[in-house]
Amino acid sequence: VQLVQFGGGLVQAGGSLNLSCAASGNTANIHVIKWYRQTPGNERQFVAEMTIDSGSTKYDYSVKRRFTISRAGVPDTVFLQMNRLKPEDTAMYYCHAEERRYRAGVTGYIPVYYWGQGTQVTVSS
């Protein structure tokens, strides 16, 4: 599985940006795609996620009602629409996928994780 990100850039506070994460390769067993963000010197912070089978979503409280995660295809491309951006949203954004690998005759699965290359979002005040 490969994840390639598009979007990001510089925007004024209150503006909007859309990030996309295109999955390719053997994507049939991707279970969930998440967005994280990271600022220098800090750990990656969870932003949002979408469970592919159900379409259910979760958001960090800091972005709820401002950011929307959606998809086109299954799972092909996942989007993060970011509205009413704030300077504190400035970060490198990464998409992350969890693939569940199953083996015949074996209960359970092995999770395999993938990261996109990251894309910078800068919000000016």
Foldseek 3Di string as FASTA:
>chain_A
DAWAKDWADEEAAQAKIKMKIFDDDPLPQWFKKFKWWDDPPDDTHTAKMAGQPVRDMDGDPVQPPFWDWDADPRHGMIMIIGGSDDQVVWTWMKMKIWGWADDPPDPGTDIDMDIYPTDTHGYHD
